[in-house]
């Protein structure tokens, strides 16, 4: 099961302190644990925000290390949309220990595309190849259909479209095996939804 999906920044943003990452979109699929039920709604929201900030910072660090190791530091953050096809997306996975942020051991799969990071927080026993395939599909649809890398693109204004995409690709946080026919119907559906 997928616990959280995030879209966040992975490059320095002038409004943030060094090493910080801004979460642009998040969606939780995690059922409430026993400890969270005792908290007020505001305390639950702040606890969730803190968990997701830790995940976003760790992904930002992993992307920076990956880009530095491949000597592409800062290249994706400067390139325009037309050059995006020339630069490969960075991807990776890391484990979160039990009780570090979540009650059980979890795994974070991430994909860094230019200045954006897409992350899935999954349970440790999930099929990582399937999770990576779903993450790449979500990122591709977000970038192509929603034009998140275009000038003036605002993820915050496109929440309903990202929600619709997640509803189809991650219903209730469950990973789906996608066949060719389903992928084609999804692309038609998203194109119709995007034209409205």
N, C-alpha and C. Protein backbone atom coordinates (compact mmCIF):
# COMPACT_ATOMS: atom_id res chain seq x y z
N UNK A 1 0.84 -1.18 0.00
CA UNK A 1 0.00 0.00 0.00
C UNK A 1 0.88 1.24 0.00
N UNK A 2 0.47 2.24 -0.74
CA UNK A 2 1.15 3.53 -0.75
C UNK A 2 0.59 4.35 0.41
N UNK A 3 1.47 4.91 1.21
CA UNK A 3 1.05 5.73 2.34
C UNK A 3 0.87 7.19 1.95
N UNK A 4 1.82 7.71 1.14
CA UNK A 4 1.77 9.13 0.73
C UNK A 4 2.33 9.29 -0.67
N UNK A 5 1.80 10.28 -1.37
CA UNK A 5 2.36 10.73 -2.63
C UNK A 5 2.66 12.21 -2.47
N UNK A 6 3.85 12.64 -2.93
CA UNK A 6 4.28 14.04 -2.79
C UNK A 6 4.80 14.59 -4.11
N UNK A 7 4.53 15.87 -4.34
CA UNK A 7 5.23 16.65 -5.35
C UNK A 7 5.88 17.79 -4.58
N UNK A 8 7.19 17.93 -4.74
CA UNK A 8 7.92 18.94 -3.97
C UNK A 8 9.10 19.45 -4.78
N UNK A 9 9.73 20.50 -4.27
CA UNK A 9 10.90 21.07 -4.94
C UNK A 9 12.14 20.28 -4.55
N UNK A 10 13.09 20.20 -5.49
CA UNK A 10 14.36 19.54 -5.19
C UNK A 10 15.55 20.45 -5.47
N UNK A 11 15.29 21.66 -5.93
CA UNK A 11 16.34 22.65 -6.18
C UNK A 11 16.13 23.83 -5.25
N UNK A 12 17.16 24.62 -5.00
CA UNK A 12 17.01 25.77 -4.11
C UNK A 12 15.94 26.73 -4.61
N UNK A 13 15.13 27.18 -3.68
CA UNK A 13 14.10 28.18 -3.95
C UNK A 13 14.44 29.39 -3.09
N UNK A 14 14.37 30.58 -3.67
CA UNK A 14 14.83 31.78 -2.98
C UNK A 14 14.10 32.03 -1.67
N UNK A 15 12.84 31.63 -1.57
CA UNK A 15 12.07 31.90 -0.35
C UNK A 15 12.39 30.92 0.78
N UNK A 16 13.14 29.86 0.50
CA UNK A 16 13.41 28.84 1.50
C UNK A 16 14.85 28.91 1.98
N UNK A 17 15.06 28.41 3.20
CA UNK A 17 16.42 28.30 3.73
C UNK A 17 17.17 27.22 2.96
N UNK A 18 18.48 27.27 3.01
CA UNK A 18 19.30 26.28 2.32
C UNK A 18 18.99 24.88 2.83
N UNK A 19 18.82 23.95 1.92
CA UNK A 19 18.52 22.58 2.29
C UNK A 19 17.06 22.28 2.50
N UNK A 20 16.20 23.28 2.41
CA UNK A 20 14.77 23.07 2.60
C UNK A 20 14.10 22.73 1.28
N UNK A 21 12.96 22.11 1.37
CA UNK A 21 12.17 21.74 0.21
C UNK A 21 10.73 22.16 0.46
N UNK A 22 10.08 22.67 -0.56
CA UNK A 22 8.68 23.09 -0.42
C UNK A 22 7.79 21.99 -0.98
N UNK A 23 6.82 21.58 -0.19
CA UNK A 23 5.86 20.59 -0.63
C UNK A 23 4.76 21.32 -1.39
N UNK A 24 4.61 20.97 -2.66
CA UNK A 24 3.63 21.62 -3.52
C UNK A 24 2.29 20.88 -3.51
N UNK A 25 2.35 19.58 -3.32
CA UNK A 25 1.14 18.76 -3.30
C UNK A 25 1.43 17.52 -2.47
N UNK A 26 0.47 17.11 -1.67
CA UNK A 26 0.60 15.86 -0.93
C UNK A 26 -0.76 15.19 -0.81
N UNK A 27 -0.72 13.89 -0.80
CA UNK A 27 -1.95 13.11 -0.65
C UNK A 27 -1.62 11.92 0.22
N UNK A 28 -2.35 11.75 1.29
CA UNK A 28 -2.13 10.64 2.20
C UNK A 28 -3.17 9.55 2.02
N UNK A 29 -2.71 8.30 2.09
CA UNK A 29 -3.60 7.15 1.99
C UNK A 29 -3.52 6.32 3.26
N UNK A 30 -2.70 6.77 4.21
CA UNK A 30 -2.43 6.02 5.43
C UNK A 30 -3.63 6.07 6.38
N UNK A 31 -4.08 4.91 6.85
CA UNK A 31 -5.13 4.94 7.88
C UNK A 31 -4.55 5.49 9.18
N UNK A 32 -5.41 6.11 9.98
CA UNK A 32 -4.93 6.70 11.23
C UNK A 32 -4.44 5.62 12.18
N UNK A 33 -3.29 5.89 12.77
CA UNK A 33 -2.77 4.96 13.78
C UNK A 33 -3.42 5.28 15.13
N UNK A 34 -3.23 4.40 16.08
CA UNK A 34 -3.83 4.58 17.40
C UNK A 34 -3.37 5.86 18.08
N UNK A 35 -2.09 6.23 17.90
CA UNK A 35 -1.56 7.44 18.53
C UNK A 35 -2.18 8.69 17.94
N UNK A 36 -2.45 8.70 16.64
CA UNK A 36 -2.98 9.89 15.96
C UNK A 36 -4.42 10.15 16.34
N UNK A 37 -5.15 9.13 16.75
CA UNK A 37 -6.56 9.32 17.11
C UNK A 37 -6.70 10.17 18.36
N UNK A 38 -5.69 10.17 19.22
CA UNK A 38 -5.75 10.94 20.46
C UNK A 38 -5.46 12.42 20.25
N UNK A 39 -5.00 12.79 19.06
CA UNK A 39 -4.63 14.17 18.78
C UNK A 39 -5.80 14.95 18.20
N UNK A 40 -5.74 16.26 18.34
CA UNK A 40 -6.74 17.13 17.71
C UNK A 40 -6.48 17.16 16.21
N UNK A 41 -7.45 17.57 15.41
CA UNK A 41 -7.22 17.65 13.96
C UNK A 41 -6.04 18.54 13.59
N UNK A 42 -5.86 19.63 14.31
CA UNK A 42 -4.73 20.53 14.03
C UNK A 42 -3.40 19.86 14.36
N UNK A 43 -3.34 19.13 15.46
CA UNK A 43 -2.12 18.42 15.83
C UNK A 43 -1.81 17.31 14.83
N UNK A 44 -2.85 16.61 14.34
CA UNK A 44 -2.64 15.57 13.32
C UNK A 44 -2.09 16.19 12.04
N UNK A 45 -2.65 17.33 11.64
CA UNK A 45 -2.19 18.00 10.43
C UNK A 45 -0.74 18.43 10.56
N UNK A 46 -0.36 18.98 11.71
CA UNK A 46 1.03 19.41 11.92
C UNK A 46 1.98 18.22 11.97
N UNK A 47 1.55 17.11 12.58
CA UNK A 47 2.38 15.90 12.62
C UNK A 47 2.59 15.35 11.22
N UNK A 48 1.53 15.32 10.42
CA UNK A 48 1.65 14.84 9.04
C UNK A 48 2.56 15.77 8.24
N UNK A 49 2.40 17.07 8.41
CA UNK A 49 3.24 18.03 7.69
C UNK A 49 4.71 17.84 8.05
N UNK A 50 4.99 17.61 9.32
CA UNK A 50 6.37 17.40 9.77
C UNK A 50 6.96 16.12 9.17
N UNK A 51 6.18 15.04 9.14
CA UNK A 51 6.63 13.78 8.53
C UNK A 51 6.99 14.00 7.07
N UNK A 52 6.10 14.68 6.34
CA UNK A 52 6.30 14.87 4.91
C UNK A 52 7.47 15.80 4.63
N UNK A 53 7.71 16.78 5.48
CA UNK A 53 8.87 17.67 5.32
C UNK A 53 10.17 16.87 5.47
N UNK A 54 10.20 15.93 6.40
CA UNK A 54 11.39 15.10 6.58
C UNK A 54 11.64 14.26 5.33
N UNK A 55 10.57 13.66 4.79
CA UNK A 55 10.70 12.86 3.57
C UNK A 55 11.18 13.74 2.42
N UNK A 56 10.59 14.93 2.25
CA UNK A 56 10.98 15.83 1.16
C UNK A 56 12.44 16.26 1.29
N UNK A 57 12.90 16.54 2.51
CA UNK A 57 14.31 16.92 2.70
C UNK A 57 15.25 15.77 2.35
N UNK A 58 14.87 14.56 2.75
CA UNK A 58 15.72 13.41 2.44
C UNK A 58 15.77 13.15 0.93
N UNK A 59 14.64 13.32 0.25
CA UNK A 59 14.62 13.15 -1.20
C UNK A 59 15.45 14.24 -1.86
N UNK A 60 15.33 15.46 -1.38
CA UNK A 60 16.11 16.58 -1.94
C UNK A 60 17.60 16.28 -1.80
N UNK A 61 18.02 15.77 -0.65
CA UNK A 61 19.43 15.42 -0.44
C UNK A 61 19.86 14.29 -1.37
N UNK A 62 18.99 13.28 -1.53
CA UNK A 62 19.32 12.16 -2.41
C UNK A 62 19.45 12.62 -3.86
N UNK A 63 18.56 13.51 -4.30
CA UNK A 63 18.63 14.04 -5.67
C UNK A 63 19.92 14.83 -5.85
N UNK A 64 20.25 15.68 -4.87
CA UNK A 64 21.47 16.48 -4.97
C UNK A 64 22.71 15.58 -5.04
N UNK A 65 22.76 14.54 -4.20
CA UNK A 65 23.89 13.62 -4.23
C UNK A 65 23.96 12.86 -5.56
N UNK A 66 22.82 12.45 -6.07
CA UNK A 66 22.78 11.73 -7.34
C UNK A 66 23.26 12.62 -8.48
N UNK A 67 22.82 13.87 -8.48
CA UNK A 67 23.22 14.80 -9.54
C UNK A 67 24.69 15.16 -9.42
N UNK A 68 25.17 15.30 -8.20
CA UNK A 68 26.58 15.61 -7.99
C UNK A 68 27.45 14.44 -8.44
N UNK A 69 27.01 13.23 -8.11
CA UNK A 69 27.77 12.05 -8.50
C UNK A 69 27.82 11.88 -10.02
N UNK A 70 26.77 12.30 -10.69
CA UNK A 70 26.76 12.18 -12.15
C UNK A 70 27.18 13.49 -12.82
N UNK A 71 27.73 14.40 -12.04
CA UNK A 71 28.24 15.71 -12.48
C UNK A 71 27.22 16.52 -13.28
N UNK A 72 25.97 16.47 -12.81
CA UNK A 72 24.91 17.27 -13.44
C UNK A 72 24.35 18.27 -12.43
N UNK A 73 25.15 18.70 -11.50
CA UNK A 73 24.69 19.60 -10.45
C UNK A 73 24.12 20.88 -11.05
N UNK A 74 22.90 21.21 -10.68
CA UNK A 74 22.27 22.46 -11.09
C UNK A 74 21.84 22.52 -12.53
N UNK A 75 22.14 21.53 -13.33
CA UNK A 75 21.80 21.60 -14.75
C UNK A 75 20.30 21.59 -14.94
N UNK A 76 19.60 20.67 -14.26
CA UNK A 76 18.16 20.57 -14.43
C UNK A 76 17.43 21.80 -13.93
N UNK A 77 17.98 22.48 -12.95
CA UNK A 77 17.30 23.63 -12.39
C UNK A 77 17.37 24.85 -13.31
N UNK A 78 18.31 24.86 -14.24
CA UNK A 78 18.52 26.00 -15.11
C UNK A 78 17.90 25.78 -16.49
N UNK A 79 17.84 24.53 -16.94
CA UNK A 79 17.36 24.23 -18.28
C UNK A 79 15.88 24.58 -18.43
N UNK A 80 15.51 24.98 -19.62
CA UNK A 80 14.12 25.26 -19.92
C UNK A 80 13.38 24.00 -20.30
N UNK A 81 12.09 24.15 -20.56
CA UNK A 81 11.24 23.01 -20.88
C UNK A 81 11.69 22.31 -22.16
N UNK A 82 12.14 23.08 -23.15
CA UNK A 82 12.54 22.48 -24.42
C UNK A 82 13.76 21.58 -24.28
N UNK A 83 14.60 21.83 -23.29
CA UNK A 83 15.79 21.00 -23.08
C UNK A 83 15.52 19.85 -22.12
N UNK A 84 14.32 19.80 -21.54
CA UNK A 84 14.01 18.78 -20.54
C UNK A 84 14.14 17.38 -21.10
N UNK A 85 13.82 17.20 -22.37
CA UNK A 85 13.89 15.86 -22.96
C UNK A 85 15.34 15.36 -23.05
N UNK A 86 16.29 16.27 -23.03
CA UNK A 86 17.69 15.88 -23.15
C UNK A 86 18.27 15.38 -21.84
N UNK A 87 17.64 15.75 -20.74
CA UNK A 87 18.17 15.40 -19.42
C UNK A 87 17.35 14.26 -18.83
N UNK A 88 18.02 13.21 -18.43
CA UNK A 88 17.32 12.08 -17.82
C UNK A 88 16.87 12.44 -16.41
N UNK A 89 15.76 11.84 -16.02
CA UNK A 89 15.26 12.04 -14.67
C UNK A 89 16.11 11.24 -13.70
N UNK A 90 16.34 11.80 -12.52
CA UNK A 90 17.03 11.08 -11.46
C UNK A 90 16.00 10.27 -10.70
N UNK A 91 16.38 9.08 -10.26
CA UNK A 91 15.45 8.27 -9.49
C UNK A 91 16.22 7.46 -8.47
N UNK A 92 15.50 7.02 -7.47
CA UNK A 92 16.14 6.21 -6.44
C UNK A 92 15.14 5.73 -5.41
N UNK A 93 15.67 5.05 -4.42
CA UNK A 93 14.84 4.51 -3.36
C UNK A 93 15.67 4.51 -2.07
N UNK A 94 15.02 4.76 -0.96
CA UNK A 94 15.67 4.60 0.34
C UNK A 94 14.65 4.13 1.35
N UNK A 95 15.15 3.56 2.43
CA UNK A 95 14.30 2.97 3.45
C UNK A 95 14.22 3.88 4.67
N UNK A 96 13.04 3.93 5.25
CA UNK A 96 12.84 4.62 6.53
C UNK A 96 12.68 3.54 7.59
N UNK A 97 13.49 3.61 8.63
CA UNK A 97 13.43 2.58 9.67
C UNK A 97 12.10 2.57 10.39
N UNK A 98 11.82 1.47 11.08
CA UNK A 98 10.56 1.39 11.82
C UNK A 98 10.55 2.43 12.93
N UNK A 99 9.41 3.05 13.09
CA UNK A 99 9.16 4.08 14.11
C UNK A 99 9.96 5.35 13.88
N UNK A 100 10.69 5.47 12.76
CA UNK A 100 11.40 6.70 12.46
C UNK A 100 10.40 7.81 12.16
N UNK A 101 9.49 7.57 11.25
CA UNK A 101 8.43 8.52 10.92
C UNK A 101 7.06 7.86 10.92
N UNK A 102 7.04 6.60 10.55
CA UNK A 102 5.79 5.88 10.43
C UNK A 102 5.84 4.66 11.35
N UNK A 103 4.68 4.14 11.75
CA UNK A 103 4.67 3.03 12.70
C UNK A 103 5.43 1.79 12.21
N UNK A 104 5.39 1.54 10.91
CA UNK A 104 6.09 0.39 10.35
C UNK A 104 7.22 0.85 9.44
N UNK A 105 8.12 -0.07 9.12
CA UNK A 105 9.20 0.24 8.19
C UNK A 105 8.60 0.60 6.84
N UNK A 106 9.10 1.68 6.23
CA UNK A 106 8.59 2.17 4.96
C UNK A 106 9.72 2.39 3.98
N UNK A 107 9.35 2.49 2.72
CA UNK A 107 10.29 2.72 1.64
C UNK A 107 9.83 3.95 0.87
N UNK A 108 10.78 4.80 0.48
CA UNK A 108 10.47 5.99 -0.32
C UNK A 108 11.08 5.81 -1.70
N UNK A 109 10.24 5.86 -2.72
CA UNK A 109 10.69 5.87 -4.11
C UNK A 109 10.58 7.30 -4.58
N UNK A 110 11.60 7.80 -5.26
CA UNK A 110 11.58 9.19 -5.69
C UNK A 110 12.04 9.30 -7.14
N UNK A 111 11.58 10.38 -7.74
CA UNK A 111 11.92 10.71 -9.12
C UNK A 111 12.14 12.22 -9.17
N UNK A 112 13.33 12.65 -9.58
CA UNK A 112 13.64 14.07 -9.69
C UNK A 112 13.67 14.49 -11.15
N UNK A 113 12.78 15.40 -11.52
CA UNK A 113 12.71 15.91 -12.89
C UNK A 113 12.87 17.43 -12.82
N UNK A 114 13.99 17.90 -13.32
CA UNK A 114 14.34 19.31 -13.24
C UNK A 114 14.22 19.78 -11.80
N UNK A 115 13.38 20.76 -11.49
CA UNK A 115 13.29 21.29 -10.14
C UNK A 115 12.22 20.60 -9.30
N UNK A 116 11.51 19.63 -9.87
CA UNK A 116 10.44 18.96 -9.14
C UNK A 116 10.84 17.56 -8.71
N UNK A 117 10.33 17.16 -7.57
CA UNK A 117 10.51 15.80 -7.09
C UNK A 117 9.15 15.15 -6.91
N UNK A 118 9.04 13.90 -7.32
CA UNK A 118 7.83 13.11 -7.14
C UNK A 118 8.22 11.95 -6.24
N UNK A 119 7.47 11.74 -5.16
CA UNK A 119 7.84 10.71 -4.19
C UNK A 119 6.63 9.88 -3.80
N UNK A 120 6.87 8.58 -3.63
CA UNK A 120 5.89 7.66 -3.08
C UNK A 120 6.46 7.07 -1.81
N UNK A 121 5.71 7.14 -0.73
CA UNK A 121 6.08 6.47 0.52
C UNK A 121 5.22 5.22 0.59
N UNK A 122 5.87 4.06 0.56
CA UNK A 122 5.17 2.77 0.52
C UNK A 122 5.53 1.92 1.73
N UNK A 123 4.72 0.94 1.99
CA UNK A 123 5.07 -0.07 2.99
C UNK A 123 6.26 -0.86 2.47
N UNK A 124 7.05 -1.40 3.36
CA UNK A 124 8.30 -2.06 2.99
C UNK A 124 8.11 -3.30 2.13
N UNK A 125 6.96 -3.96 2.22
CA UNK A 125 6.76 -5.20 1.48
C UNK A 125 6.19 -5.00 0.08
N UNK A 126 5.99 -3.76 -0.34
CA UNK A 126 5.40 -3.49 -1.66
C UNK A 126 6.32 -3.92 -2.80
N UNK A 127 5.75 -4.19 -3.94
CA UNK A 127 6.47 -4.52 -5.16
C UNK A 127 7.11 -3.23 -5.68
N UNK A 128 8.42 -3.08 -5.51
CA UNK A 128 9.10 -1.83 -5.85
C UNK A 128 9.14 -1.57 -7.35
N UNK A 129 9.20 -2.60 -8.16
CA UNK A 129 9.18 -2.40 -9.61
C UNK A 129 7.83 -1.86 -10.06
N UNK A 130 6.76 -2.38 -9.49
CA UNK A 130 5.43 -1.88 -9.80
C UNK A 130 5.27 -0.44 -9.29
N UNK A 131 5.76 -0.18 -8.09
CA UNK A 131 5.67 1.17 -7.52
C UNK A 131 6.44 2.17 -8.37
N UNK A 132 7.63 1.77 -8.86
CA UNK A 132 8.40 2.67 -9.71
C UNK A 132 7.67 2.94 -11.03
N UNK A 133 7.06 1.92 -11.59
CA UNK A 133 6.31 2.07 -12.83
C UNK A 133 5.14 3.03 -12.65
N UNK A 134 4.42 2.89 -11.54
CA UNK A 134 3.30 3.78 -11.25
C UNK A 134 3.79 5.21 -11.01
N UNK A 135 4.89 5.35 -10.27
CA UNK A 135 5.44 6.69 -10.02
C UNK A 135 5.85 7.37 -11.31
N UNK A 136 6.52 6.65 -12.20
CA UNK A 136 6.92 7.22 -13.49
C UNK A 136 5.69 7.60 -14.33
N UNK A 137 4.66 6.78 -14.28
CA UNK A 137 3.44 7.07 -15.02
C UNK A 137 2.76 8.33 -14.47
N UNK A 138 2.68 8.45 -13.16
CA UNK A 138 2.09 9.64 -12.54
C UNK A 138 2.90 10.87 -12.91
N UNK A 139 4.21 10.79 -12.79
CA UNK A 139 5.07 11.93 -13.11
C UNK A 139 4.93 12.33 -14.58
N UNK A 140 4.90 11.33 -15.47
CA UNK A 140 4.77 11.62 -16.90
C UNK A 140 3.45 12.33 -17.19
N UNK A 141 2.36 11.82 -16.61
CA UNK A 141 1.06 12.46 -16.83
C UNK A 141 1.02 13.87 -16.24
N UNK A 142 1.61 14.04 -15.06
CA UNK A 142 1.65 15.38 -14.46
C UNK A 142 2.42 16.36 -15.34
N UNK A 143 3.55 15.91 -15.87
CA UNK A 143 4.39 16.80 -16.67
C UNK A 143 3.79 17.06 -18.05
N UNK A 144 3.19 16.05 -18.67
CA UNK A 144 2.64 16.22 -20.01
C UNK A 144 1.25 16.84 -20.00
N UNK A 145 0.33 16.24 -19.25
CA UNK A 145 -1.05 16.69 -19.27
C UNK A 145 -1.24 17.99 -18.50
N UNK A 146 -0.58 18.12 -17.37
CA UNK A 146 -0.77 19.30 -16.52
C UNK A 146 0.27 20.38 -16.79
N UNK A 147 1.27 20.07 -17.60
CA UNK A 147 2.32 21.02 -17.97
C UNK A 147 2.91 21.71 -16.74
N UNK A 148 3.36 20.88 -15.78
CA UNK A 148 3.89 21.42 -14.52
C UNK A 148 5.21 22.14 -14.70
N UNK A 149 5.93 21.88 -15.79
CA UNK A 149 7.22 22.54 -15.98
C UNK A 149 7.09 23.77 -16.88
N UNK A 150 5.91 24.05 -17.38
CA UNK A 150 5.72 25.19 -18.27
C UNK A 150 5.79 26.50 -17.52
N UNK A 151 5.92 27.63 -18.25
CA UNK A 151 5.97 28.93 -17.60
C UNK A 151 4.64 29.24 -16.91
N UNK A 152 4.75 29.68 -15.67
CA UNK A 152 3.57 30.04 -14.90
C UNK A 152 2.80 28.83 -14.38
N UNK A 153 3.35 27.66 -14.47
CA UNK A 153 2.65 26.46 -13.99
C UNK A 153 2.60 26.47 -12.48
N UNK A 154 1.45 26.24 -11.95
CA UNK A 154 1.26 26.21 -10.50
C UNK A 154 0.60 24.90 -10.11
N UNK A 155 1.33 24.07 -9.40
CA UNK A 155 0.80 22.79 -8.95
C UNK A 155 -0.37 23.03 -8.01
N UNK A 156 -0.26 24.07 -7.19
CA UNK A 156 -1.28 24.33 -6.19
C UNK A 156 -2.64 24.61 -6.82
N UNK A 157 -2.65 25.13 -8.04
CA UNK A 157 -3.91 25.45 -8.72
C UNK A 157 -4.46 24.25 -9.49
N UNK A 158 -3.72 23.16 -9.53
CA UNK A 158 -4.14 21.99 -10.30
C UNK A 158 -4.37 20.78 -9.41
N UNK A 159 -4.72 21.02 -8.15
CA UNK A 159 -4.94 19.92 -7.20
C UNK A 159 -6.00 18.95 -7.68
N UNK A 160 -7.10 19.46 -8.23
CA UNK A 160 -8.19 18.58 -8.65
C UNK A 160 -7.75 17.65 -9.76
N UNK A 161 -6.90 18.13 -10.65
CA UNK A 161 -6.42 17.28 -11.75
C UNK A 161 -5.46 16.20 -11.24
N UNK A 162 -4.60 16.57 -10.30
CA UNK A 162 -3.69 15.57 -9.71
C UNK A 162 -4.50 14.56 -8.91
N UNK A 163 -5.53 15.02 -8.19
CA UNK A 163 -6.40 14.11 -7.45
C UNK A 163 -7.09 13.11 -8.39
N UNK A 164 -7.58 13.60 -9.54
CA UNK A 164 -8.24 12.72 -10.51
C UNK A 164 -7.26 11.68 -11.05
N UNK A 165 -6.05 12.10 -11.31
CA UNK A 165 -5.02 11.18 -11.79
C UNK A 165 -4.70 10.11 -10.74
N UNK A 166 -4.54 10.54 -9.50
CA UNK A 166 -4.24 9.59 -8.42
C UNK A 166 -5.42 8.64 -8.17
N UNK A 167 -6.62 9.15 -8.34
CA UNK A 167 -7.80 8.31 -8.16
C UNK A 167 -7.79 7.16 -9.15
N UNK A 168 -7.30 7.41 -10.36
CA UNK A 168 -7.24 6.35 -11.39
C UNK A 168 -6.02 5.44 -11.22
N UNK A 169 -4.87 6.02 -10.90
CA UNK A 169 -3.64 5.22 -10.84
C UNK A 169 -3.35 4.63 -9.46
N UNK A 170 -3.83 5.27 -8.41
CA UNK A 170 -3.60 4.79 -7.04
C UNK A 170 -4.91 4.81 -6.25
N UNK A 171 -5.89 4.03 -6.64
CA UNK A 171 -7.16 4.08 -5.89
C UNK A 171 -6.96 3.62 -4.44
N UNK A 172 -7.25 4.50 -3.52
CA UNK A 172 -7.11 4.24 -2.08
C UNK A 172 -5.70 3.79 -1.70
N UNK A 173 -4.70 4.22 -2.49
CA UNK A 173 -3.31 3.90 -2.18
C UNK A 173 -2.86 2.52 -2.65
N UNK A 174 -3.68 1.84 -3.43
CA UNK A 174 -3.33 0.50 -3.92
C UNK A 174 -2.63 0.61 -5.26
N UNK A 175 -1.51 -0.09 -5.41
CA UNK A 175 -0.79 -0.12 -6.67
C UNK A 175 -1.50 -1.05 -7.65
N UNK A 176 -1.66 -0.60 -8.89
CA UNK A 176 -2.34 -1.37 -9.91
C UNK A 176 -1.36 -1.81 -10.99
N UNK A 177 -1.55 -3.02 -11.49
CA UNK A 177 -0.82 -3.44 -12.68
C UNK A 177 -1.53 -2.81 -13.86
N UNK A 178 -0.79 -2.08 -14.69
CA UNK A 178 -1.38 -1.38 -15.81
C UNK A 178 -1.10 -2.13 -17.10
N UNK A 179 -2.15 -2.50 -17.81
CA UNK A 179 -1.94 -3.08 -19.12
C UNK A 179 -2.07 -1.97 -20.18
N UNK A 180 -1.77 -2.32 -21.40
CA UNK A 180 -1.74 -1.34 -22.48
C UNK A 180 -3.12 -0.70 -22.69
N UNK A 181 -4.17 -1.49 -22.64
CA UNK A 181 -5.53 -0.98 -22.87
C UNK A 181 -5.93 0.02 -21.78
N UNK A 182 -5.62 -0.32 -20.53
CA UNK A 182 -5.94 0.59 -19.43
C UNK A 182 -5.16 1.89 -19.57
N UNK A 183 -3.88 1.81 -19.94
CA UNK A 183 -3.06 3.01 -20.11
C UNK A 183 -3.63 3.91 -21.20
N UNK A 184 -4.08 3.32 -22.30
CA UNK A 184 -4.67 4.12 -23.38
C UNK A 184 -5.97 4.79 -22.94
N UNK A 185 -6.80 4.05 -22.23
CA UNK A 185 -8.06 4.65 -21.75
C UNK A 185 -7.79 5.77 -20.74
N UNK A 186 -6.77 5.59 -19.92
CA UNK A 186 -6.40 6.63 -18.96
C UNK A 186 -5.92 7.88 -19.68
N UNK A 187 -5.10 7.71 -20.71
CA UNK A 187 -4.61 8.87 -21.46
C UNK A 187 -5.75 9.62 -22.12
N UNK A 188 -6.73 8.91 -22.68
CA UNK A 188 -7.90 9.57 -23.29
C UNK A 188 -8.70 10.31 -22.23
N UNK A 189 -8.90 9.65 -21.08
CA UNK A 189 -9.66 10.26 -20.00
C UNK A 189 -8.99 11.53 -19.48
N UNK A 190 -7.68 11.46 -19.30
CA UNK A 190 -6.94 12.63 -18.80
C UNK A 190 -6.93 13.76 -19.84
N UNK A 191 -6.84 13.41 -21.12
CA UNK A 191 -6.88 14.42 -22.17
C UNK A 191 -8.24 15.12 -22.20
N UNK A 192 -9.31 14.34 -22.04
CA UNK A 192 -10.65 14.92 -21.98
C UNK A 192 -10.82 15.80 -20.76
N UNK A 193 -10.31 15.33 -19.63
CA UNK A 193 -10.42 16.10 -18.39
C UNK A 193 -9.60 17.37 -18.47
N UNK A 194 -8.42 17.29 -19.10
CA UNK A 194 -7.55 18.46 -19.22
C UNK A 194 -8.10 19.51 -20.17
N UNK A 195 -8.91 19.09 -21.15
CA UNK A 195 -9.44 20.06 -22.10
C UNK A 195 -10.64 20.82 -21.55
N UNK A 196 -11.18 20.36 -20.42
CA UNK A 196 -12.35 21.04 -19.83
C UNK A 196 -11.93 22.27 -19.07
